[in-house]
Amino acid sequence: MSHEDDFRRQEIIRLQNEIIAQMTGQNLRAVGDDLWGRKADEEETNAELTPPPGFPEVPDVFGTKKAKDAKKQETKAQTEKPPKEDIAILKKELESYIGLDLIKREVESLINLVTVYKLRREHQLPTEDISLHMVFSGNPGTGKTMIARLMSRIYHSLDILDKGHLVEVDRSGLVAGYVGQTAIKTQEIVQKALGGVLFIDEAYALTTRGPQDFGQEAVETLLKAMEDNRDNLVVIVAGYVDLMNDFVHSNPGLESRFNRFMYFPDYTVQEMMDIFALRCRNAGYTLAQDATEPLRDVIREESENAIGFGNARGVRNLFEQAISRQANRLAKQEKVTRDQLMMLTREDLMPPEDDEEKAEVGASDD
């Protein structure tokens, strides 16, 4: 072995020993942090070893560098402000939505209110505080999450919110299982939502389990966060009509902060037909002419139970079931054309008869 090779070998061994020593030191400091609540020096803890020129890179065996890079990317994403969208384009998007006529008018009115409010402030005229927190009530699949996401972008476009993103949670995302943990969990979600909209689905679940439930702690923590971040946080709570009314009136703090209500009616049969057609266009499918009325009949029958069917959500399920049946049908053919790949037939909209018979037999056995 040459002198140069021996030197390189010794240098690599030295680097390996330094890595081991560094890791041992970090582990000891971590133990000290756990025992005494002290934090090691940030620069010392995160110091990276750089090999001398001409020597191989030290492998990231334990993934520390990868984890650190991911943390940097996450921090960067949280601090960066996305560009604002043109409010005129957002209004056009709103108008393009199927149905929701009442909601469109209310959103348009809210946009006008915020716009004039800003103009008055720019002209140093007196302004009344306006609450931008909202209650969305209606059955599942009526567009509540879609409009909440659009509202976050609208508020960002109007300089009401810094980022305009949407953070969606339900009870499980706010409530923990032990005393004191719910406040921490809720505060963490609020931090993620700052600069955007916090959308709480089925919010009534926070107040329907009695005064000793941890959901009350989440509500109190949320109310304080709304007060402390009134200029950079909008909260939208959503759920069934009656349950959301009970939720808002269960706490004086909720009543004072949520005074803007939007009701989302069920989609009509024709609107759900239009939603199905839109899904077909977006996914590269066409509906056979003789399948239009059967589809209408299926939607009309299924939507008699609006909650169980789920409005637009139910239409999405019908569409996914149709393309699944189409795939099973085409798989039996030796040759498939492009037009056949795009066509959804009457057969694709209906479950096979043997499946219906099995379902009926199963129901009679019960």
Protein backbone atom coordinates (compact mmCIF):
# COMPACT_ATOMS: atom_id res chain seq x y z
CA MET A 1 0.00 0.00 0.00
CA SER A 2 1.38 3.39 -0.97
CA HIS A 3 1.83 6.22 1.47
CA GLU A 4 -1.00 8.16 -0.25
CA ASP A 5 -3.45 5.24 0.02
CA ASP A 6 -2.56 4.77 3.66
CA PHE A 7 -3.15 8.47 4.30
CA ARG A 8 -6.59 8.33 2.61
CA ARG A 9 -7.51 5.24 4.67
CA GLN A 10 -6.50 6.94 7.91
CA GLU A 11 -8.42 10.09 6.95
CA ILE A 12 -11.60 8.11 6.24
CA ILE A 13 -11.28 6.32 9.59
CA ARG A 14 -10.83 9.70 11.27
CA LEU A 15 -14.02 11.02 9.63
CA GLN A 16 -15.94 7.94 10.70
CA ASN A 17 -14.76 8.41 14.27
CA GLU A 18 -15.83 12.05 14.17
CA ILE A 19 -19.30 11.03 12.97
CA ILE A 20 -19.61 8.51 15.79
CA ALA A 21 -18.43 11.09 18.32
CA GLN A 22 -20.84 13.69 16.95
CA MET A 23 -23.79 11.29 17.09
CA THR A 24 -22.87 10.25 20.62
CA GLY A 25 -22.72 13.88 21.67
CA GLN A 26 -26.10 14.61 20.07
CA ASN A 27 -27.67 11.63 21.80
CA LEU A 28 -26.26 12.71 25.15
CA ARG A 29 -27.52 16.24 24.64
CA ALA A 30 -30.95 14.88 23.71
CA VAL A 31 -31.02 12.89 26.95
CA GLY A 32 -30.05 16.04 28.82
CA ASP A 33 -32.83 17.96 27.10
CA ASP A 34 -35.37 15.33 28.14
CA LEU A 35 -34.14 15.27 31.74
CA TRP A 36 -33.44 18.96 32.36
CA GLY A 37 -35.54 20.70 29.70
CA ARG A 38 -32.49 22.37 28.16
CA LYS A 39 -31.81 22.83 24.47
CA ALA A 40 -28.38 22.18 23.03
CA ASP A 41 -26.72 24.92 21.05
CA GLU A 42 -28.42 24.97 17.64
CA GLU A 43 -25.30 25.45 15.59
CA GLU A 44 -23.36 22.79 17.49
CA THR A 45 -26.19 20.28 17.25
CA ASN A 46 -26.72 20.84 13.54
CA ALA A 47 -23.05 21.06 12.57
CA GLU A 48 -22.27 19.07 9.44
CA LEU A 49 -19.03 17.33 8.68
CA THR A 50 -17.48 18.26 5.34
CA PRO A 51 -14.74 15.96 4.07
CA PRO A 52 -11.52 17.48 2.74
CA PRO A 53 -11.15 17.95 -1.04
CA GLY A 54 -10.46 14.72 -2.86
CA PHE A 55 -12.14 12.50 -0.26
CA PRO A 56 -15.51 10.76 -0.61
CA GLU A 57 -18.64 12.39 0.75
CA VAL A 58 -19.72 11.23 4.18
CA PRO A 59 -22.86 9.11 3.60
CA ASP A 60 -26.08 10.30 5.21
CA VAL A 61 -26.62 6.87 6.78
CA PHE A 62 -29.12 7.98 9.38
CA GLY A 63 -31.09 10.36 7.14
CA THR A 64 -30.32 13.45 9.25
CA LYS A 65 -29.44 15.64 6.28
CA LYS A 66 -32.51 14.48 4.35
CA ALA A 67 -34.77 15.21 7.32
CA LYS A 68 -33.14 18.62 7.79
CA ASP A 69 -33.64 19.50 4.10
CA ALA A 70 -37.30 18.43 4.31
CA LYS A 71 -37.75 20.64 7.38
CA LYS A 72 -36.23 23.59 5.52
CA GLN A 73 -38.59 23.03 2.59
CA GLU A 74 -41.58 22.84 4.94
CA THR A 75 -40.56 26.05 6.70
CA LYS A 76 -40.04 27.77 3.35
CA ALA A 77 -43.50 26.70 2.16
CA GLN A 78 -45.07 28.00 5.35
CA THR A 79 -43.39 31.41 5.15
CA GLU A 80 -43.66 32.07 1.41
CA LYS A 81 -46.65 34.09 0.25
CA PRO A 82 -48.22 32.84 -2.98
CA PRO A 83 -49.04 35.39 -5.70
CA LYS A 84 -52.50 36.94 -5.57
CA GLU A 85 -55.06 35.89 -8.17
CA ASP A 86 -57.12 38.36 -10.17
CA ILE A 87 -60.47 38.85 -8.44
CA ALA A 88 -62.20 39.04 -11.85
CA ILE A 89 -60.92 35.56 -12.71
CA LEU A 90 -62.09 34.23 -9.35
CA LYS A 91 -65.54 35.67 -9.96
CA LYS A 92 -65.69 33.92 -13.32
CA GLU A 93 -64.73 30.66 -11.63
CA LEU A 94 -67.52 31.18 -9.11
CA GLU A 95 -70.04 31.72 -11.90
CA SER A 96 -68.86 28.57 -13.67
CA TYR A 97 -69.96 26.36 -10.78
CA ILE A 98 -73.09 24.35 -11.41
CA GLY A 99 -76.07 25.45 -9.30
CA LEU A 100 -75.38 27.30 -6.03
CA ASP A 101 -77.28 30.39 -7.23
CA LEU A 102 -78.00 31.62 -3.70
CA ILE A 103 -74.41 31.06 -2.60
CA LYS A 104 -73.07 32.90 -5.64
CA ARG A 105 -75.14 35.97 -4.77
CA GLU A 106 -74.00 35.90 -1.16
CA VAL A 107 -70.34 35.52 -2.10
CA GLU A 108 -70.66 38.37 -4.60
CA SER A 109 -72.22 40.54 -1.89
CA LEU A 110 -69.42 39.68 0.50
CA ILE A 111 -66.80 40.57 -2.11
CA ASN A 112 -68.47 43.96 -2.59
CA LEU A 113 -68.62 44.55 1.16
CA VAL A 114 -64.93 43.81 1.64
CA THR A 115 -63.94 45.89 -1.39
CA VAL A 116 -65.81 48.97 -0.17
CA TYR A 117 -64.51 48.41 3.36
CA LYS A 118 -60.94 48.54 2.04
CA LEU A 119 -61.66 51.66 -0.01
CA ARG A 120 -63.04 53.46 3.03
CA ARG A 121 -59.94 52.61 5.01
CA GLU A 122 -57.71 53.82 2.18
CA HIS A 123 -59.60 57.14 2.23
CA GLN A 124 -59.29 57.31 6.03
CA LEU A 125 -63.06 57.07 6.52
CA PRO A 126 -64.62 55.41 9.58
CA THR A 127 -65.26 51.67 9.19
CA GLU A 128 -67.26 49.18 11.18
CA ASP A 129 -65.57 45.90 12.08
CA ILE A 130 -66.81 43.16 9.78
CA SER A 131 -66.72 39.50 10.72
CA LEU A 132 -65.49 37.26 7.93
CA HIS A 133 -65.98 34.02 9.88
CA MET A 134 -68.84 31.99 8.42
CA VAL A 135 -71.21 29.13 9.05
CA PHE A 136 -71.86 26.82 6.09
CA SER A 137 -74.91 24.63 6.58
CA GLY A 138 -76.35 21.97 4.31
CA ASN A 139 -76.32 18.30 3.47
CA PRO A 140 -73.16 16.44 2.37
CA GLY A 141 -71.94 17.05 -1.17
CA THR A 142 -73.52 20.47 -1.64
CA GLY A 143 -70.25 22.32 -2.33
CA LYS A 144 -69.30 23.61 1.12
CA THR A 145 -65.62 22.65 0.95
CA MET A 146 -65.34 23.88 -2.64
CA ILE A 147 -66.70 27.33 -1.73
CA ALA A 148 -64.53 27.48 1.41
CA ARG A 149 -61.46 26.88 -0.74
CA LEU A 150 -62.57 29.59 -3.17
CA MET A 151 -63.24 32.03 -0.31
CA SER A 152 -59.67 31.59 0.95
CA ARG A 153 -58.36 32.55 -2.48
CA ILE A 154 -60.78 35.50 -2.71
CA TYR A 155 -59.69 36.85 0.68
CA HIS A 156 -56.07 36.55 -0.41
CA SER A 157 -56.82 38.38 -3.64
CA LEU A 158 -58.44 41.20 -1.65
CA ASP A 159 -55.44 41.45 0.74
CA ILE A 160 -57.49 40.19 3.69
CA LEU A 161 -55.31 37.08 4.15
CA ASP A 162 -51.56 36.72 3.61
CA LYS A 163 -51.55 33.28 1.95
CA GLY A 164 -55.09 32.23 1.08
CA HIS A 165 -54.66 28.52 1.73
CA LEU A 166 -57.26 26.19 3.25
CA VAL A 167 -56.67 23.91 6.24
CA GLU A 168 -59.49 21.38 6.61
CA VAL A 169 -60.08 19.51 9.88
CA ASP A 170 -62.85 17.85 11.86
CA ARG A 171 -63.21 17.02 15.54
CA SER A 172 -60.42 14.41 15.44
CA GLY A 173 -57.98 17.03 14.18
CA LEU A 174 -58.62 19.33 17.15
CA VAL A 175 -59.48 17.12 20.13
CA ALA A 176 -56.99 14.92 21.98
CA GLY A 177 -57.61 12.20 24.53
CA TYR A 178 -56.01 13.72 27.63
CA VAL A 179 -56.32 16.87 29.70
CA GLY A 180 -54.24 19.73 28.32
CA GLN A 181 -53.44 18.10 24.99
CA THR A 182 -56.49 19.43 23.14
CA ALA A 183 -55.39 23.06 23.54
CA ILE A 184 -51.94 22.20 22.15
CA LYS A 185 -53.43 20.24 19.25
CA THR A 186 -55.85 23.04 18.38
CA GLN A 187 -53.12 25.68 18.58
CA GLU A 188 -50.96 23.68 16.17
CA ILE A 189 -53.80 23.56 13.64
CA VAL A 190 -54.38 27.30 14.04
CA GLN A 191 -50.70 27.96 13.36
CA LYS A 192 -50.93 25.99 10.12
CA ALA A 193 -54.02 27.97 9.10
CA LEU A 194 -52.66 31.46 9.82
CA GLY A 195 -52.83 33.56 6.70
CA GLY A 196 -55.64 31.40 5.34
CA VAL A 197 -58.95 29.74 6.15
CA LEU A 198 -59.48 27.10 8.81
CA PHE A 199 -62.39 24.93 7.66
CA ILE A 200 -63.93 22.79 10.41
CA ASP A 201 -66.28 20.15 9.00
CA GLU A 202 -69.01 18.75 11.24
CA ALA A 203 -68.07 21.39 13.81
CA TYR A 204 -71.14 20.55 15.92
CA ALA A 205 -69.31 17.41 17.08
CA LEU A 206 -67.21 19.69 19.32
CA THR A 207 -70.18 20.63 21.52
CA THR A 208 -72.57 17.67 21.45
CA ARG A 209 -70.85 15.38 23.96
CA GLY A 210 -71.46 17.19 27.21
CA PRO A 211 -69.69 19.88 29.27
CA GLN A 212 -66.91 17.54 30.41
CA ASP A 213 -65.87 16.65 26.88
CA PHE A 214 -62.53 17.89 25.57
CA GLY A 215 -64.36 19.43 22.61
CA GLN A 216 -65.23 22.38 24.86
CA GLU A 217 -61.52 22.98 25.39
CA ALA A 218 -61.01 23.04 21.63
CA VAL A 219 -63.80 25.62 21.25
CA GLU A 220 -62.34 27.91 23.93
CA THR A 221 -58.86 27.63 22.42
CA LEU A 222 -60.27 28.36 18.98
CA LEU A 223 -62.17 31.44 20.18
CA LYS A 224 -59.03 32.89 21.75
CA ALA A 225 -57.05 32.21 18.56
CA MET A 226 -59.72 33.97 16.48
CA GLU A 227 -59.48 37.01 18.75
CA ASP A 228 -55.66 37.05 18.77
CA ASN A 229 -55.39 36.61 14.99
CA ARG A 230 -58.41 38.54 13.81
CA ASP A 231 -56.46 40.18 10.98
CA ASN A 232 -54.98 37.01 9.51
CA LEU A 233 -57.30 34.09 10.17
CA VAL A 234 -60.77 33.23 8.91
CA VAL A 235 -62.66 30.29 10.37
CA ILE A 236 -65.48 28.55 8.52
CA VAL A 237 -67.53 25.93 10.36
CA ALA A 238 -69.76 23.54 8.44
CA GLY A 239 -72.36 20.84 8.97
CA TYR A 240 -76.06 20.01 8.93
CA VAL A 241 -78.46 22.95 9.28
CA ASP A 242 -80.11 22.20 12.64
CA LEU A 243 -76.93 20.92 14.25
CA MET A 244 -74.95 23.99 13.15
CA ASN A 245 -77.61 26.29 14.62
CA ASP A 246 -77.30 24.43 17.92
CA PHE A 247 -73.51 24.66 17.71
CA VAL A 248 -73.41 28.43 17.21
CA HIS A 249 -75.93 29.05 20.00
CA SER A 250 -74.15 26.75 22.45
CA ASN A 251 -71.59 29.39 23.38
CA PRO A 252 -71.89 33.22 23.55
CA GLY A 253 -68.39 33.51 22.09
CA LEU A 254 -69.45 31.49 19.04
CA GLU A 255 -72.58 33.62 18.60
CA SER A 256 -70.60 36.84 18.60
CA ARG A 257 -68.01 35.64 16.09
CA PHE A 258 -70.15 33.62 13.68
CA ASN A 259 -72.87 35.92 12.43
CA ARG A 260 -72.60 35.22 8.72
CA PHE A 261 -74.56 32.17 7.54
CA MET A 262 -74.62 30.51 4.13
CA TYR A 263 -77.15 27.77 3.40
CA PHE A 264 -76.26 25.22 0.73
CA PRO A 265 -79.40 23.65 -0.76
CA ASP A 266 -79.46 20.18 -2.27
CA TYR A 267 -78.72 19.99 -5.98
CA THR A 268 -81.66 19.47 -8.31
CA VAL A 269 -81.79 16.37 -10.53
CA GLN A 270 -80.89 18.46 -13.58
CA GLU A 271 -77.95 20.05 -11.77
CA MET A 272 -76.66 16.60 -10.85
CA MET A 273 -77.09 15.53 -14.49
CA ASP A 274 -74.95 18.53 -15.45
CA ILE A 275 -72.35 17.57 -12.84
CA PHE A 276 -72.19 14.04 -14.29
CA ALA A 277 -71.79 15.47 -17.80
CA LEU A 278 -69.01 17.76 -16.57
CA ARG A 279 -67.17 14.81 -15.04
CA CYS A 280 -67.49 12.97 -18.33
CA ARG A 281 -66.02 15.90 -20.29
CA ASN A 282 -63.15 16.42 -17.86
CA ALA A 283 -62.24 12.71 -17.88
CA GLY A 284 -62.59 12.13 -21.63
CA TYR A 285 -65.89 10.22 -21.67
CA THR A 286 -69.18 10.66 -23.49
CA LEU A 287 -72.62 9.43 -22.49
CA ALA A 288 -74.57 7.39 -25.03
CA GLN A 289 -77.82 9.03 -26.14
CA ASP A 290 -79.98 6.16 -24.92
CA ALA A 291 -78.27 6.37 -21.49
CA THR A 292 -79.40 9.92 -20.64
CA GLU A 293 -82.87 9.08 -19.34
CA PRO A 294 -81.73 5.98 -17.42
CA LEU A 295 -79.12 8.18 -15.73
CA ARG A 296 -81.80 10.71 -14.84
CA ASP A 297 -83.96 7.95 -13.35
CA VAL A 298 -81.06 6.60 -11.28
CA ILE A 299 -80.18 10.06 -9.94
CA ARG A 300 -83.82 10.87 -9.16
CA GLU A 301 -84.30 7.60 -7.31
CA GLU A 302 -81.03 7.72 -5.40
CA SER A 303 -81.34 11.39 -4.45
CA GLU A 304 -84.65 10.88 -2.66
CA ASN A 305 -82.38 10.30 0.33
CA ALA A 306 -80.23 13.42 -0.12
CA ILE A 307 -78.11 12.73 2.96
CA GLY A 308 -77.39 9.12 2.07
CA PHE A 309 -76.78 9.84 -1.61
CA GLY A 310 -74.61 12.87 -0.96
CA ASN A 311 -75.59 15.19 -3.84
CA ALA A 312 -72.45 15.89 -5.91
CA ARG A 313 -70.62 13.24 -3.91
CA GLY A 314 -73.24 10.70 -4.98
CA VAL A 315 -72.85 11.77 -8.60
CA ARG A 316 -69.11 11.22 -8.33
CA ASN A 317 -69.73 7.71 -7.00
CA LEU A 318 -72.16 6.95 -9.86
CA PHE A 319 -69.56 8.13 -12.36
CA GLU A 320 -66.78 6.02 -10.83
CA GLN A 321 -69.05 2.97 -10.74
CA ALA A 322 -69.96 3.55 -14.40
CA ILE A 323 -66.36 3.65 -15.60
CA SER A 324 -65.60 0.55 -13.52
CA ARG A 325 -68.47 -1.36 -15.19
CA GLN A 326 -67.31 -0.08 -18.57
CA ALA A 327 -63.83 -1.46 -17.88
CA ASN A 328 -65.26 -4.87 -16.96
CA ARG A 329 -67.39 -4.86 -20.10
CA LEU A 330 -64.57 -3.87 -22.46
CA ALA A 331 -62.14 -6.33 -20.89
CA LYS A 332 -64.24 -9.17 -22.35
CA GLN A 333 -63.75 -7.90 -25.91
CA GLU A 334 -60.85 -8.95 -28.10
CA LYS A 335 -60.52 -5.55 -29.74
CA VAL A 336 -61.45 -2.15 -28.28
CA THR A 337 -61.68 1.05 -30.31
CA ARG A 338 -61.02 4.60 -29.15
CA ASP A 339 -64.71 5.48 -29.37
CA GLN A 340 -65.62 2.49 -27.21
CA LEU A 341 -63.08 3.57 -24.61
CA MET A 342 -64.79 6.95 -24.42
CA MET A 343 -68.43 5.78 -24.46
CA LEU A 344 -70.46 5.12 -21.30
CA THR A 345 -73.51 3.08 -22.20
CA ARG A 346 -76.83 2.39 -20.55
CA GLU A 347 -75.41 -0.91 -19.38
CA ASP A 348 -72.58 0.87 -17.57
CA LEU A 349 -75.03 2.89 -15.48
CA MET A 350 -76.90 -0.10 -14.10
CA PRO A 351 -75.58 -2.70 -11.65
CA PRO A 352 -75.61 -6.26 -13.09
CA GLU A 353 -78.90 -8.09 -12.47
CA ASP A 354 -77.18 -10.86 -10.52
CA ASP A 355 -75.76 -8.23 -8.13
CA GLU A 356 -79.25 -6.82 -7.61
CA GLU A 357 -80.64 -10.31 -6.99
CA LYS A 358 -77.87 -11.04 -4.48
CA ALA A 359 -78.60 -7.77 -2.68
CA GLU A 360 -82.32 -8.62 -2.53
CA VAL A 361 -81.60 -12.13 -1.25
CA GLY A 362 -79.27 -10.75 1.39
CA ALA A 363 -81.89 -8.25 2.51
CA SER A 364 -84.59 -10.95 2.76
CA ASP A 365 -82.28 -13.18 4.80
CA ASP A 366 -81.85 -10.36 7.32
